[in-house]
Amino acid sequence: MASLYLLIPIAIVFVCIAVGIFLWAVRSEQFEDLERQGYDILFDEDDPEQSKPRANKKESENVS
């Protein structure tokens, strides 16, 4: 019974922290666009600049 006097306040503190984090996420607009991340994965457009292999700076200096 004595452990309940310790565990109940700890549980209340955890619930308050979870509610605070949830409210922060809502206020900072974390839940505004839930579908965009899924579409980004499905319809990934490759950037040709990123797909080119980059030469090391030392290799390009040795060539010239």
PDB file of N, CA and C in Angstrom:
ATOM      1  N   MET A   1       0.829  -1.194   0.000  1.00  0.00           N
ATOM      2  CA  MET A   1       0.000   0.000   0.000  1.00  0.00           C
ATOM      3  C   MET A   1       0.871   1.255   0.000  1.00  0.00           C
ATOM      4  N   ALA A   2       1.998   1.185   0.670  1.00  0.00           N
ATOM      5  CA  ALA A   2       2.871   2.355   0.733  1.00  0.00           C
ATOM      6  C   ALA A   2       3.478   2.673  -0.624  1.00  0.00           C
ATOM      7  N   SER A   3       3.641   1.637  -1.473  1.00  0.00           N
ATOM      8  CA  SER A   3       4.211   1.897  -2.796  1.00  0.00           C
ATOM      9  C   SER A   3       3.260   2.696  -3.682  1.00  0.00           C
ATOM     10  N   LEU A   4       1.961   2.600  -3.425  1.00  0.00           N
ATOM     11  CA  LEU A   4       0.994   3.375  -4.206  1.00  0.00           C
ATOM     12  C   LEU A   4       1.158   4.871  -3.979  1.00  0.00           C
ATOM     13  N   TYR A   5       1.583   5.249  -2.794  1.00  0.00           N
ATOM     14  CA  TYR A   5       1.798   6.669  -2.508  1.00  0.00           C
ATOM     15  C   TYR A   5       2.953   7.235  -3.340  1.00  0.00           C
ATOM     16  N   LEU A   6       3.820   6.365  -3.804  1.00  0.00           N
ATOM     17  CA  LEU A   6       4.923   6.786  -4.648  1.00  0.00           C
ATOM     18  C   LEU A   6       4.582   6.636  -6.137  1.00  0.00           C
ATOM     19  N   LEU A   7       3.919   5.540  -6.494  1.00  0.00           N
ATOM     20  CA  LEU A   7       3.667   5.249  -7.902  1.00  0.00           C
ATOM     21  C   LEU A   7       2.591   6.140  -8.518  1.00  0.00           C
ATOM     22  N   ILE A   8       1.574   6.494  -7.772  1.00  0.00           N
ATOM     23  CA  ILE A   8       0.498   7.331  -8.321  1.00  0.00           C
ATOM     24  C   ILE A   8       1.014   8.727  -8.675  1.00  0.00           C
ATOM     25  N   PRO A   9       1.776   9.407  -7.829  1.00  0.00           N
ATOM     26  CA  PRO A   9       2.304  10.711  -8.258  1.00  0.00           C
ATOM     27  C   PRO A   9       3.265  10.612  -9.444  1.00  0.00           C
ATOM     28  N   ILE A  10       4.050   9.533  -9.503  1.00  0.00           N
ATOM     29  CA  ILE A  10       4.943   9.351 -10.646  1.00  0.00           C
ATOM     30  C   ILE A  10       4.136   9.170 -11.931  1.00  0.00           C
ATOM     31  N   ALA A  11       3.057   8.398 -11.864  1.00  0.00           N
ATOM     32  CA  ALA A  11       2.202   8.195 -13.032  1.00  0.00           C
ATOM     33  C   ALA A  11       1.548   9.504 -13.455  1.00  0.00           C
ATOM     34  N   ILE A  12       1.121  10.307 -12.493  1.00  0.00           N
ATOM     35  CA  ILE A  12       0.509  11.597 -12.811  1.00  0.00           C
ATOM     36  C   ILE A  12       1.528  12.519 -13.482  1.00  0.00           C
ATOM     37  N   VAL A  13       2.760  12.492 -13.015  1.00  0.00           N
ATOM     38  CA  VAL A  13       3.812  13.314 -13.628  1.00  0.00           C
ATOM     39  C   VAL A  13       4.054  12.866 -15.068  1.00  0.00           C
ATOM     40  N   PHE A  14       4.110  11.553 -15.304  1.00  0.00           N
ATOM     41  CA  PHE A  14       4.305  11.053 -16.663  1.00  0.00           C
ATOM     42  C   PHE A  14       3.153  11.442 -17.586  1.00  0.00           C
ATOM     43  N   VAL A  15       1.940  11.386 -17.102  1.00  0.00           N
ATOM     44  CA  VAL A  15       0.783  11.792 -17.903  1.00  0.00           C
ATOM     45  C   VAL A  15       0.860  13.283 -18.228  1.00  0.00           C
ATOM     46  N   CYS A  16       1.247  14.088 -17.270  1.00  0.00           N
ATOM     47  CA  CYS A  16       1.383  15.533 -17.521  1.00  0.00           C
ATOM     48  C   CYS A  16       2.466  15.814 -18.551  1.00  0.00           C
ATOM     49  N   ILE A  17       3.560  15.093 -18.480  1.00  0.00           N
ATOM     50  CA  ILE A  17       4.631  15.261 -19.468  1.00  0.00           C
ATOM     51  C   ILE A  17       4.135  14.856 -20.858  1.00  0.00           C
ATOM     52  N   ALA A  18       3.426  13.738 -20.955  1.00  0.00           N
ATOM     53  CA  ALA A  18       2.914  13.271 -22.249  1.00  0.00           C
ATOM     54  C   ALA A  18       1.914  14.270 -22.830  1.00  0.00           C
ATOM     55  N   VAL A  19       1.043  14.813 -22.010  1.00  0.00           N
ATOM     56  CA  VAL A  19       0.071  15.808 -22.477  1.00  0.00           C
ATOM     57  C   VAL A  19       0.811  17.071 -22.928  1.00  0.00           C
ATOM     58  N   GLY A  20       1.827  17.478 -22.201  1.00  0.00           N
ATOM     59  CA  GLY A  20       2.608  18.649 -22.583  1.00  0.00           C
ATOM     60  C   GLY A  20       3.302  18.468 -23.918  1.00  0.00           C
ATOM     61  N   ILE A  21       3.882  17.290 -24.141  1.00  0.00           N
ATOM     62  CA  ILE A  21       4.537  17.010 -25.417  1.00  0.00           C
ATOM     63  C   ILE A  21       3.519  16.992 -26.550  1.00  0.00           C
ATOM     64  N   PHE A  22       2.358  16.418 -26.305  1.00  0.00           N
ATOM     65  CA  PHE A  22       1.309  16.390 -27.318  1.00  0.00           C
ATOM     66  C   PHE A  22       0.845  17.802 -27.663  1.00  0.00           C
ATOM     67  N   LEU A  23       0.631  18.634 -26.664  1.00  0.00           N
ATOM     68  CA  LEU A  23       0.196  20.006 -26.924  1.00  0.00           C
ATOM     69  C   LEU A  23       1.274  20.798 -27.667  1.00  0.00           C
ATOM     70  N   TRP A  24       2.537  20.571 -27.323  1.00  0.00           N
ATOM     71  CA  TRP A  24       3.621  21.224 -28.057  1.00  0.00           C
ATOM     72  C   TRP A  24       3.608  20.811 -29.530  1.00  0.00           C
ATOM     73  N   ALA A  25       3.387  19.515 -29.790  1.00  0.00           N
ATOM     74  CA  ALA A  25       3.372  19.026 -31.165  1.00  0.00           C
ATOM     75  C   ALA A  25       2.214  19.620 -31.948  1.00  0.00           C
ATOM     76  N   VAL A  26       1.066  19.768 -31.311  1.00  0.00           N
ATOM     77  CA  VAL A  26      -0.082  20.352 -31.989  1.00  0.00           C
ATOM     78  C   VAL A  26       0.159  21.835 -32.266  1.00  0.00           C
ATOM     79  N   ARG A  27       0.700  22.544 -31.322  1.00  0.00           N
ATOM     80  CA  ARG A  27       0.940  23.985 -31.505  1.00  0.00           C
ATOM     81  C   ARG A  27       2.035  24.274 -32.522  1.00  0.00           C
ATOM     82  N   SER A  28       3.006  23.384 -32.651  1.00  0.00           N
ATOM     83  CA  SER A  28       4.078  23.604 -33.620  1.00  0.00           C
ATOM     84  C   SER A  28       3.740  22.996 -34.980  1.00  0.00           C
ATOM     85  N   GLU A  29       2.477  22.658 -35.179  1.00  0.00           N
ATOM     86  CA  GLU A  29       1.925  22.186 -36.461  1.00  0.00           C
ATOM     87  C   GLU A  29       2.590  20.911 -36.967  1.00  0.00           C
ATOM     88  N   GLN A  30       2.876  19.987 -36.075  1.00  0.00           N
ATOM     89  CA  GLN A  30       3.460  18.711 -36.467  1.00  0.00           C
ATOM     90  C   GLN A  30       2.445  17.808 -37.170  1.00  0.00           C
ATOM     91  N   PHE A  31       1.159  18.039 -36.944  1.00  0.00           N
ATOM     92  CA  PHE A  31       0.121  17.165 -37.486  1.00  0.00           C
ATOM     93  C   PHE A  31      -0.651  17.813 -38.624  1.00  0.00           C
ATOM     94  N   GLU A  32      -0.107  18.858 -39.243  1.00  0.00           N
ATOM     95  CA  GLU A  32      -0.833  19.569 -40.282  1.00  0.00           C
ATOM     96  C   GLU A  32      -0.926  18.769 -41.576  1.00  0.00           C
ATOM     97  N   ASP A  33       0.147  18.161 -42.017  1.00  0.00           N
ATOM     98  CA  ASP A  33       0.158  17.457 -43.299  1.00  0.00           C
ATOM     99  C   ASP A  33       0.652  16.033 -43.078  1.00  0.00           C
ATOM    100  N   LEU A  34      -0.268  15.142 -42.764  1.00  0.00           N
ATOM    101  CA  LEU A  34       0.103  13.774 -42.438  1.00  0.00           C
ATOM    102  C   LEU A  34       0.341  12.910 -43.676  1.00  0.00           C
ATOM    103  N   GLU A  35      -0.222  13.290 -44.816  1.00  0.00           N
ATOM    104  CA  GLU A  35      -0.117  12.456 -46.003  1.00  0.00           C
ATOM    105  C   GLU A  35       1.125  12.751 -46.833  1.00  0.00           C
ATOM    106  N   ARG A  36       1.732  13.914 -46.697  1.00  0.00           N
ATOM    107  CA  ARG A  36       2.863  14.300 -47.538  1.00  0.00           C
ATOM    108  C   ARG A  36       4.042  13.354 -47.373  1.00  0.00           C
ATOM    109  N   GLN A  37       4.342  12.932 -46.157  1.00  0.00           N
ATOM    110  CA  GLN A  37       5.488  12.051 -45.943  1.00  0.00           C
ATOM    111  C   GLN A  37       5.297  10.717 -46.656  1.00  0.00           C
ATOM    112  N   GLY A  38       4.081  10.211 -46.659  1.00  0.00           N
ATOM    113  CA  GLY A  38       3.808   8.959 -47.371  1.00  0.00           C
ATOM    114  C   GLY A  38       3.947   9.114 -48.872  1.00  0.00           C
ATOM    115  N   TYR A  39       3.481  10.235 -49.402  1.00  0.00           N
ATOM    116  CA  TYR A  39       3.617  10.479 -50.832  1.00  0.00           C
ATOM    117  C   TYR A  39       5.071  10.708 -51.224  1.00  0.00           C
ATOM    118  N   ASP A  40       5.850  11.308 -50.351  1.00  0.00           N
ATOM    119  CA  ASP A  40       7.268  11.514 -50.650  1.00  0.00           C
ATOM    120  C   ASP A  40       7.991  10.183 -50.831  1.00  0.00           C
ATOM    121  N   ILE A  41       7.599   9.185 -50.080  1.00  0.00           N
ATOM    122  CA  ILE A  41       8.228   7.876 -50.211  1.00  0.00           C
ATOM    123  C   ILE A  41       7.799   7.190 -51.502  1.00  0.00           C
ATOM    124  N   LEU A  42       6.501   7.282 -51.825  1.00  0.00           N
ATOM    125  CA  LEU A  42       5.985   6.586 -52.999  1.00  0.00           C
ATOM    126  C   LEU A  42       6.422   7.242 -54.299  1.00  0.00           C
ATOM    127  N   PHE A  43       6.410   8.552 -54.343  1.00  0.00           N
ATOM    128  CA  PHE A  43       6.691   9.278 -55.574  1.00  0.00           C
ATOM    129  C   PHE A  43       7.995  10.050 -55.441  1.00  0.00           C
ATOM    130  N   ASP A  44       9.060   9.345 -55.159  1.00  0.00           N
ATOM    131  CA  ASP A  44      10.361   9.966 -54.981  1.00  0.00           C
ATOM    132  C   ASP A  44      10.920  10.344 -56.342  1.00  0.00           C
ATOM    133  N   GLU A  45      11.193  11.631 -56.511  1.00  0.00           N
ATOM    134  CA  GLU A  45      11.762  12.110 -57.762  1.00  0.00           C
ATOM    135  C   GLU A  45      13.267  12.230 -57.587  1.00  0.00           C
ATOM    136  N   ASP A  46      14.003  11.548 -58.448  1.00  0.00           N
ATOM    137  CA  ASP A  46      15.451  11.583 -58.354  1.00  0.00           C
ATOM    138  C   ASP A  46      15.973  12.888 -58.931  1.00  0.00           C
ATOM    139  N   ASP A  47      16.863  13.504 -58.229  1.00  0.00           N
ATOM    140  CA  ASP A  47      17.516  14.717 -58.679  1.00  0.00           C
ATOM    141  C   ASP A  47      18.773  14.302 -59.447  1.00  0.00           C
ATOM    142  N   PRO A  48      18.894  14.683 -60.722  1.00  0.00           N
ATOM    143  CA  PRO A  48      20.070  14.234 -61.478  1.00  0.00           C
ATOM    144  C   PRO A  48      21.383  14.751 -60.904  1.00  0.00           C
ATOM    145  N   GLU A  49      21.365  15.884 -60.252  1.00  0.00           N
ATOM    146  CA  GLU A  49      22.593  16.417 -59.653  1.00  0.00           C
ATOM    147  C   GLU A  49      23.073  15.536 -58.498  1.00  0.00           C
ATOM    148  N   GLN A  50      22.152  14.968 -57.755  1.00  0.00           N
ATOM    149  CA  GLN A  50      22.523  14.145 -56.606  1.00  0.00           C
ATOM    150  C   GLN A  50      22.952  12.747 -57.028  1.00  0.00           C
ATOM    151  N   SER A  51      22.488  12.262 -58.175  1.00  0.00           N
ATOM    152  CA  SER A  51      22.821  10.901 -58.578  1.00  0.00           C
ATOM    153  C   SER A  51      24.184  10.811 -59.251  1.00  0.00           C
ATOM    154  N   LYS A  52      24.782  11.950 -59.642  1.00  0.00           N
ATOM    155  CA  LYS A  52      26.100  11.926 -60.261  1.00  0.00           C
ATOM    156  C   LYS A  52      27.164  11.621 -59.203  1.00  0.00           C
ATOM    157  N   PRO A  53      28.109  10.758 -59.517  1.00  0.00           N
ATOM    158  CA  PRO A  53      29.184  10.513 -58.535  1.00  0.00           C
ATOM    159  C   PRO A  53      30.087  11.733 -58.459  1.00  0.00           C
ATOM    160  N   ARG A  54      30.440  12.075 -57.268  1.00  0.00           N
ATOM    161  CA  ARG A  54      31.301  13.234 -57.045  1.00  0.00           C
ATOM    162  C   ARG A  54      32.748  12.776 -56.949  1.00  0.00           C
ATOM    163  N   ALA A  55      33.613  13.467 -57.658  1.00  0.00           N
ATOM    164  CA  ALA A  55      35.035  13.156 -57.598  1.00  0.00           C
ATOM    165  C   ALA A  55      35.633  13.839 -56.382  1.00  0.00           C
ATOM    166  N   ASN A  56      36.612  13.187 -55.794  1.00  0.00           N
ATOM    167  CA  ASN A  56      37.296  13.803 -54.661  1.00  0.00           C
ATOM    168  C   ASN A  56      38.061  15.019 -55.138  1.00  0.00           C
ATOM    169  N   LYS A  57      38.243  15.956 -54.255  1.00  0.00           N
ATOM    170  CA  LYS A  57      38.956  17.185 -54.595  1.00  0.00           C
ATOM    171  C   LYS A  57      40.405  16.884 -54.966  1.00  0.00           C
ATOM    172  N   LYS A  58      41.021  15.929 -54.293  1.00  0.00           N
ATOM    173  CA  LYS A  58      42.402  15.574 -54.580  1.00  0.00           C
ATOM    174  C   LYS A  58      42.539  14.960 -55.976  1.00  0.00           C
ATOM    175  N   GLU A  59      41.557  14.127 -56.390  1.00  0.00           N
ATOM    176  CA  GLU A  59      41.597  13.519 -57.710  1.00  0.00           C
ATOM    177  C   GLU A  59      41.453  14.563 -58.798  1.00  0.00           C
ATOM    178  N   SER A  60      40.591  15.573 -58.593  1.00  0.00           N
ATOM    179  CA  SER A  60      40.408  16.598 -59.608  1.00  0.00           C
ATOM    180  C   SER A  60      41.619  17.509 -59.689  1.00  0.00           C
ATOM    181  N   GLU A  61      42.353  17.688 -58.599  1.00  0.00           N
ATOM    182  CA  GLU A  61      43.566  18.498 -58.633  1.00  0.00           C
ATOM    183  C   GLU A  61      44.690  17.783 -59.363  1.00  0.00           C
ATOM    184  N   ASN A  62      44.746  16.450 -59.243  1.00  0.00           N
ATOM    185  CA  ASN A  62      45.796  15.679 -59.909  1.00  0.00           C
ATOM    186  C   ASN A  62      45.588  15.627 -61.413  1.00  0.00           C
ATOM    187  N   VAL A  63      44.356  15.712 -61.878  1.00  0.00           N
ATOM    188  CA  VAL A  63      44.055  15.636 -63.297  1.00  0.00           C
ATOM    189  C   VAL A  63      44.516  16.889 -64.010  1.00  0.00           C
ATOM    190  N   SER A  64      44.362  18.048 -63.427  1.00  0.00           N
ATOM    191  CA  SER A  64      44.693  19.306 -64.102  1.00  0.00           C
ATOM    192  C   SER A  64      46.112  19.710 -63.974  1.00  0.00           C
TER     193      SER A  64
END
